[in-house]
C-alpha atoms as a PDB file:
ATOM      1  CA  MET A   1      80.768  88.572 114.413  1.00  0.00           C
ATOM      2  CA  ALA A   2      84.105  90.191 113.694  1.00  0.00           C
ATOM      3  CA  SER A   3      84.903  91.708 110.326  1.00  0.00           C
ATOM      4  CA  SER A   4      87.052  89.597 108.021  1.00  0.00           C
ATOM      5  CA  TRP A   5      88.485  92.634 106.166  1.00  0.00           C
ATOM      6  CA  PHE A   6      91.708  94.397 107.041  1.00  0.00           C
ATOM      7  CA  GLU A   7      93.150  97.679 105.726  1.00  0.00           C
ATOM      8  CA  VAL A   8      96.609  98.191 104.218  1.00  0.00           C
ATOM      9  CA  ASP A   9      98.306 101.084 102.357  1.00  0.00           C
ATOM     10  CA  TRP A  10      99.186 100.358  98.711  1.00  0.00           C
ATOM     11  CA  PHE A  11     100.411 102.007  95.505  1.00  0.00           C
ATOM     12  CA  VAL A  12      98.478 101.739  92.254  1.00  0.00           C
ATOM     13  CA  GLU A  13     100.832  99.994  89.844  1.00  0.00           C
ATOM     14  CA  GLU A  14      98.694  99.657  86.710  1.00  0.00           C
ATOM     15  CA  CYS A  15      95.195 100.561  85.500  1.00  0.00           C
ATOM     16  CA  LEU A  16      93.271  97.602  84.057  1.00  0.00           C
ATOM     17  CA  PRO A  17      89.943  97.516  82.169  1.00  0.00           C
ATOM     18  CA  ALA A  18      86.548  97.509  83.931  1.00  0.00           C
ATOM     19  CA  TRP A  19      87.630  99.635  86.932  1.00  0.00           C
ATOM     20  CA  ASN A  20      90.257  97.120  87.989  1.00  0.00           C
ATOM     21  CA  TYR A  21      93.655  98.178  89.258  1.00  0.00           C
ATOM     22  CA  LYS A  22      96.816  96.265  89.929  1.00  0.00           C
ATOM     23  CA  VAL A  23      98.172  97.500  93.244  1.00  0.00           C
ATOM     24  CA  LYS A  24     101.381  96.831  95.159  1.00  0.00           C
ATOM     25  CA  ILE A  25     102.094  97.060  98.872  1.00  0.00           C
ATOM     26  CA  VAL A  26     104.050 100.163  99.892  1.00  0.00           C
ATOM     27  CA  ASP A  27     107.370  98.713 101.093  1.00  0.00           C
ATOM     28  CA  THR A  28     107.699  95.467  99.100  1.00  0.00           C
ATOM     29  CA  ASP A  29     108.020  94.580  95.425  1.00  0.00           C
ATOM     30  CA  ASP A  30     106.721  91.034  95.343  1.00  0.00           C
ATOM     31  CA  PHE A  31     103.083  91.136  96.493  1.00  0.00           C
ATOM     32  CA  MET A  32     100.506  92.361  93.944  1.00  0.00           C
ATOM     33  CA  VAL A  33      96.700  92.388  94.232  1.00  0.00           C
ATOM     34  CA  VAL A  34      93.919  93.118  91.733  1.00  0.00           C
ATOM     35  CA  ALA A  35      91.453  95.603  93.241  1.00  0.00           C
ATOM     36  CA  LYS A  36      88.281  97.448  92.312  1.00  0.00           C
ATOM     37  CA  LYS A  37      87.115 100.872  93.409  1.00  0.00           C
ATOM     38  CA  SER A  38      84.461 100.927  96.090  1.00  0.00           C
ATOM     39  CA  TRP A  39      80.948 102.055  95.265  1.00  0.00           C
ATOM     40  CA  ARG A  40      81.469 105.413  96.982  1.00  0.00           C
ATOM     41  CA  MET A  41      84.602 106.160  94.929  1.00  0.00           C
ATOM     42  CA  ARG A  42      82.829 105.270  91.672  1.00  0.00           C
ATOM     43  CA  ASN A  43      79.759 107.301  92.621  1.00  0.00           C
ATOM     44  CA  ASN A  44      81.866 110.389  93.448  1.00  0.00           C
ATOM     45  CA  LYS A  45      83.950 109.927  90.274  1.00  0.00           C
ATOM     46  CA  ILE A  46      87.311 109.754  92.059  1.00  0.00           C
ATOM     47  CA  THR A  47      90.001 108.936  89.518  1.00  0.00           C
ATOM     48  CA  LEU A  48      93.072 106.822  90.208  1.00  0.00           C
ATOM     49  CA  LEU A  49      96.342 107.056  88.339  1.00  0.00           C
ATOM     50  CA  PRO A  50      99.490 104.957  88.559  1.00  0.00           C
ATOM     51  CA  TRP A  51     101.600 105.791  91.641  1.00  0.00           C
ATOM     52  CA  ASP A  52      98.612 107.012  93.650  1.00  0.00           C
ATOM     53  CA  ARG A  53      98.711 105.822  97.234  1.00  0.00           C
ATOM     54  CA  VAL A  54      95.472 104.141  98.297  1.00  0.00           C
ATOM     55  CA  ARG A  55      93.940 102.343 101.254  1.00  0.00           C
ATOM     56  CA  LEU A  56      92.860  98.840 100.351  1.00  0.00           C
ATOM     57  CA  ASP A  57      90.484  96.461 102.114  1.00  0.00           C
ATOM     58  CA  ILE A  58      91.517  92.842 101.727  1.00  0.00           C
ATOM     59  CA  ASN A  59      89.493  89.821 102.714  1.00  0.00           C
ATOM     60  CA  GLU A  60      91.505  87.498 104.943  1.00  0.00           C
ATOM     61  CA  TYR A  61      90.167  84.434 103.104  1.00  0.00           C
ATOM     62  CA  ASP A  62      91.121  85.559  99.579  1.00  0.00           C
ATOM     63  CA  ASN A  63      94.063  87.951  99.555  1.00  0.00           C
ATOM     64  CA  THR A  64      94.406  88.086  95.754  1.00  0.00           C
ATOM     65  CA  LYS A  65      91.481  90.544  95.429  1.00  0.00           C
ATOM     66  CA  GLY A  66      90.704  93.761  97.214  1.00  0.00           C
ATOM     67  CA  ARG A  67      88.558  96.888  97.354  1.00  0.00           C
ATOM     68  CA  ILE A  68      90.040 100.397  97.166  1.00  0.00           C
ATOM     69  CA  THR A  69      88.317 102.591  99.745  1.00  0.00           C
ATOM     70  CA  PHE A  70      90.451 105.755  99.965  1.00  0.00           C
ATOM     71  CA  ARG A  71      92.959 107.711  97.851  1.00  0.00           C
ATOM     72  CA  TYR A  72      95.489 109.731  99.834  1.00  0.00           C
ATOM     73  CA  LYS A  73      96.244 113.300  98.850  1.00  0.00           C
ATOM     74  CA  LYS A  74      99.718 114.029  97.512  1.00  0.00           C
ATOM     75  CA  ARG A  75     100.824 115.954 100.595  1.00  0.00           C
ATOM     76  CA  ASP A  76      99.979 112.987 102.835  1.00  0.00           C
ATOM     77  CA  TRP A  77     102.381 110.520 101.221  1.00  0.00           C
ATOM     78  CA  SER A  78     105.291 112.443  99.697  1.00  0.00           C
ATOM     79  CA  ASP A  79     107.666 111.000 102.324  1.00  0.00           C
ATOM     80  CA  SER A  80     107.271 107.456 100.977  1.00  0.00           C
ATOM     81  CA  ALA A  81     106.860 108.068  97.243  1.00  0.00           C
ATOM     82  CA  PRO A  82     108.929 105.515  95.296  1.00  0.00           C
ATOM     83  CA  TRP A  83     110.367 107.994  92.805  1.00  0.00           C
ATOM     84  CA  GLU A  84     111.802 110.131  95.633  1.00  0.00           C
ATOM     85  CA  LYS A  85     113.954 107.378  97.132  1.00  0.00           C
ATOM     86  CA  LYS A  86     117.679 107.876  96.625  1.00  0.00           C
ATOM     87  CA  GLU A  87     118.466 104.292  95.547  1.00  0.00           C
ATOM     88  CA  ASN A  88     116.126 104.528  92.539  1.00  0.00           C
ATOM     89  CA  LEU A  89     117.921 107.524  91.040  1.00  0.00           C
ATOM     90  CA  VAL A  90     120.625 107.055  88.416  1.00  0.00           C
ATOM     91  CA  GLU A  91     123.612 109.382  88.712  1.00  0.00           C
END
């Protein structure tokens, strides 16, 4: 049987209580998902802060919830960081 999960890159938008996070897809502003950290991330005490880029597993049957499985290092995602885009800066 094929897996019903698929992986997407996201940004952590907001930290919620009980290890929940509100995350947003990398290139759009309209699609938000509530996600929890995976067991391995909780067990290894990996912390997440707003604007961290993460890999998220989403179930194809319920795409309002997800599971965060990986946090990218800063050097891996500096090219697509939202605060480094030119249109967001005020002159």
